[in-house]
Amino acid sequence: MEDSAHHKCMAAAMAVLGDKWNPFIIQSLEHGPARFCGIQEAAGGVNPRTLSGRLVQLEQLGIITKHMISVMPPHTEYKLTKPGKELLPILAQMADWSERHSQPALE
């Protein structure tokens, strides 16, 4: 792959994974759809305003979908799309790498 094409691909991946919270949000949806509060808790207590913005961003990037559920009380659920699910092994590899190469300065 040509260097400039490689850099464009890396930039596209970083648009998704480069944010502090996005990997945690994606991972929180690994086992299926979740509601806002469930994602917030699973992602480590991200600020609601920040979470709301990241969910919009991930939806625009095609990583998650948002479904309005009209049962009483009405609520919203988020779930991973196919491209979102394809990120899960990458996140697992990142965690494995970090575990193998963690140093006190990284902890």
C-alpha atoms as a PDB file:
ATOM      1  CA  MET A   1       0.000   0.000   0.000  1.00  0.00           C
ATOM      2  CA  GLU A   2       1.309   3.441  -0.908  1.00  0.00           C
ATOM      3  CA  ASP A   3       2.388   5.590   2.044  1.00  0.00           C
ATOM      4  CA  SER A   4      -0.208   8.329   1.441  1.00  0.00           C
ATOM      5  CA  ALA A   5      -3.005   5.747   1.153  1.00  0.00           C
ATOM      6  CA  HIS A   6      -1.692   4.065   4.300  1.00  0.00           C
ATOM      7  CA  HIS A   7      -1.754   7.393   6.142  1.00  0.00           C
ATOM      8  CA  LYS A   8      -5.338   8.061   5.015  1.00  0.00           C
ATOM      9  CA  CYS A   9      -6.413   4.642   6.254  1.00  0.00           C
ATOM     10  CA  MET A  10      -4.656   5.202   9.579  1.00  0.00           C
ATOM     11  CA  ALA A  11      -6.329   8.619   9.909  1.00  0.00           C
ATOM     12  CA  ALA A  12      -9.730   7.017   9.300  1.00  0.00           C
ATOM     13  CA  ALA A  13      -9.062   4.434  12.022  1.00  0.00           C
ATOM     14  CA  MET A  14      -7.872   7.125  14.412  1.00  0.00           C
ATOM     15  CA  ALA A  15     -11.097   9.088  13.821  1.00  0.00           C
ATOM     16  CA  VAL A  16     -12.847   6.145  15.459  1.00  0.00           C
ATOM     17  CA  LEU A  17     -10.324   4.822  17.970  1.00  0.00           C
ATOM     18  CA  GLY A  18      -8.282   7.937  18.720  1.00  0.00           C
ATOM     19  CA  ASP A  19     -10.777   9.457  21.131  1.00  0.00           C
ATOM     20  CA  LYS A  20     -10.325   8.617  24.807  1.00  0.00           C
ATOM     21  CA  TRP A  21     -13.850   7.238  25.242  1.00  0.00           C
ATOM     22  CA  ASN A  22     -14.713   5.626  21.900  1.00  0.00           C
ATOM     23  CA  PRO A  23     -12.919   2.301  22.506  1.00  0.00           C
ATOM     24  CA  PHE A  24     -14.682   1.949  25.881  1.00  0.00           C
ATOM     25  CA  ILE A  25     -18.052   2.778  24.313  1.00  0.00           C
ATOM     26  CA  ILE A  26     -17.528   0.262  21.514  1.00  0.00           C
ATOM     27  CA  GLN A  27     -16.419  -2.401  23.973  1.00  0.00           C
ATOM     28  CA  SER A  28     -19.459  -1.728  26.172  1.00  0.00           C
ATOM     29  CA  LEU A  29     -21.683  -2.804  23.254  1.00  0.00           C
ATOM     30  CA  GLU A  30     -19.793  -6.060  22.672  1.00  0.00           C
ATOM     31  CA  HIS A  31     -22.553  -8.245  24.151  1.00  0.00           C
ATOM     32  CA  GLY A  32     -25.481  -6.539  22.455  1.00  0.00           C
ATOM     33  CA  PRO A  33     -27.627  -3.420  22.566  1.00  0.00           C
ATOM     34  CA  ALA A  34     -27.434  -1.141  25.573  1.00  0.00           C
ATOM     35  CA  ARG A  35     -29.111   1.973  26.861  1.00  0.00           C
ATOM     36  CA  PHE A  36     -27.368   5.267  27.576  1.00  0.00           C
ATOM     37  CA  CYS A  37     -26.948   4.675  31.326  1.00  0.00           C
ATOM     38  CA  GLY A  38     -25.633   1.157  30.756  1.00  0.00           C
ATOM     39  CA  ILE A  39     -23.042   2.440  28.308  1.00  0.00           C
ATOM     40  CA  GLN A  40     -22.077   5.231  30.687  1.00  0.00           C
ATOM     41  CA  GLU A  41     -21.517   2.774  33.526  1.00  0.00           C
ATOM     42  CA  ALA A  42     -19.674   0.201  31.396  1.00  0.00           C
ATOM     43  CA  ALA A  43     -17.442   2.888  29.870  1.00  0.00           C
ATOM     44  CA  GLY A  44     -16.223   3.956  33.287  1.00  0.00           C
ATOM     45  CA  GLY A  45     -18.483   6.847  34.170  1.00  0.00           C
ATOM     46  CA  VAL A  46     -17.980   9.091  31.162  1.00  0.00           C
ATOM     47  CA  ASN A  47     -19.659  12.498  31.542  1.00  0.00           C
ATOM     48  CA  PRO A  48     -23.198  12.388  30.033  1.00  0.00           C
ATOM     49  CA  ARG A  49     -22.526  15.328  27.720  1.00  0.00           C
ATOM     50  CA  THR A  50     -19.321  13.709  26.460  1.00  0.00           C
ATOM     51  CA  LEU A  51     -21.046  10.352  26.014  1.00  0.00           C
ATOM     52  CA  SER A  52     -23.876  11.935  24.070  1.00  0.00           C
ATOM     53  CA  GLY A  53     -21.421  13.596  21.700  1.00  0.00           C
ATOM     54  CA  ARG A  54     -19.396  10.414  21.201  1.00  0.00           C
ATOM     55  CA  LEU A  55     -22.533   8.378  20.489  1.00  0.00           C
ATOM     56  CA  VAL A  56     -23.543  10.883  17.799  1.00  0.00           C
ATOM     57  CA  GLN A  57     -20.027  10.746  16.338  1.00  0.00           C
ATOM     58  CA  LEU A  58     -19.931   6.939  16.307  1.00  0.00           C
ATOM     59  CA  GLU A  59     -23.362   6.831  14.699  1.00  0.00           C
ATOM     60  CA  GLN A  60     -22.243   9.266  11.980  1.00  0.00           C
ATOM     61  CA  LEU A  61     -19.162   7.114  11.367  1.00  0.00           C
ATOM     62  CA  GLY A  62     -21.353   4.022  10.947  1.00  0.00           C
ATOM     63  CA  ILE A  63     -19.933   2.240  13.999  1.00  0.00           C
ATOM     64  CA  ILE A  64     -23.183   2.126  15.984  1.00  0.00           C
ATOM     65  CA  THR A  65     -26.887   2.482  15.311  1.00  0.00           C
ATOM     66  CA  LYS A  66     -29.485   4.108  17.513  1.00  0.00           C
ATOM     67  CA  HIS A  67     -32.940   2.559  17.939  1.00  0.00           C
ATOM     68  CA  MET A  68     -35.872   4.291  19.553  1.00  0.00           C
ATOM     69  CA  ILE A  69     -37.940   1.804  21.559  1.00  0.00           C
ATOM     70  CA  SER A  70     -41.552   2.898  21.955  1.00  0.00           C
ATOM     71  CA  VAL A  71     -42.556   0.631  24.849  1.00  0.00           C
ATOM     72  CA  MET A  72     -43.439   2.419  28.066  1.00  0.00           C
ATOM     73  CA  PRO A  73     -41.377   4.140  29.126  1.00  0.00           C
ATOM     74  CA  PRO A  74     -39.870   4.955  25.714  1.00  0.00           C
ATOM     75  CA  HIS A  75     -36.096   4.677  25.540  1.00  0.00           C
ATOM     76  CA  THR A  76     -33.165   4.485  23.148  1.00  0.00           C
ATOM     77  CA  GLU A  77     -30.815   1.573  22.598  1.00  0.00           C
ATOM     78  CA  TYR A  78     -27.480   1.587  20.832  1.00  0.00           C
ATOM     79  CA  LYS A  79     -25.848  -1.357  19.100  1.00  0.00           C
ATOM     80  CA  LEU A  80     -22.783  -2.060  17.018  1.00  0.00           C
ATOM     81  CA  THR A  81     -22.987  -2.223  13.242  1.00  0.00           C
ATOM     82  CA  LYS A  82     -20.969  -4.785  11.286  1.00  0.00           C
ATOM     83  CA  PRO A  83     -17.994  -2.386  11.010  1.00  0.00           C
ATOM     84  CA  GLY A  84     -18.331  -1.708  14.741  1.00  0.00           C
ATOM     85  CA  LYS A  85     -18.219  -5.426  15.542  1.00  0.00           C
ATOM     86  CA  GLU A  86     -15.106  -5.744  13.368  1.00  0.00           C
ATOM     87  CA  LEU A  87     -13.337  -3.366  15.773  1.00  0.00           C
ATOM     88  CA  LEU A  88     -13.766  -5.704  18.762  1.00  0.00           C
ATOM     89  CA  PRO A  89     -10.799  -7.987  17.897  1.00  0.00           C
ATOM     90  CA  ILE A  90      -8.661  -4.894  17.305  1.00  0.00           C
ATOM     91  CA  LEU A  91      -9.548  -3.578  20.762  1.00  0.00           C
ATOM     92  CA  ALA A  92      -8.754  -6.995  22.241  1.00  0.00           C
ATOM     93  CA  GLN A  93      -5.362  -6.955  20.503  1.00  0.00           C
ATOM     94  CA  MET A  94      -4.698  -3.467  21.852  1.00  0.00           C
ATOM     95  CA  ALA A  95      -5.489  -4.670  25.375  1.00  0.00           C
ATOM     96  CA  ASP A  96      -3.247  -7.726  24.921  1.00  0.00           C
ATOM     97  CA  TRP A  97      -0.401  -5.555  23.643  1.00  0.00           C
ATOM     98  CA  SER A  98      -0.797  -3.200  26.577  1.00  0.00           C
ATOM     99  CA  GLU A  99      -0.757  -6.080  29.039  1.00  0.00           C
ATOM    100  CA  ARG A 100       2.443  -7.505  27.505  1.00  0.00           C
ATOM    101  CA  HIS A 101       4.225  -4.162  27.319  1.00  0.00           C
ATOM    102  CA  SER A 102       2.846  -2.245  30.263  1.00  0.00           C
ATOM    103  CA  GLN A 103       5.365  -0.324  32.262  1.00  0.00           C
ATOM    104  CA  PRO A 104       4.837   1.552  35.508  1.00  0.00           C
ATOM    105  CA  ALA A 105       4.836   4.829  33.542  1.00  0.00           C
ATOM    106  CA  LEU A 106       1.857   3.595  31.475  1.00  0.00           C
ATOM    107  CA  GLU A 107      -0.227   2.518  34.461  1.00  0.00           C
END
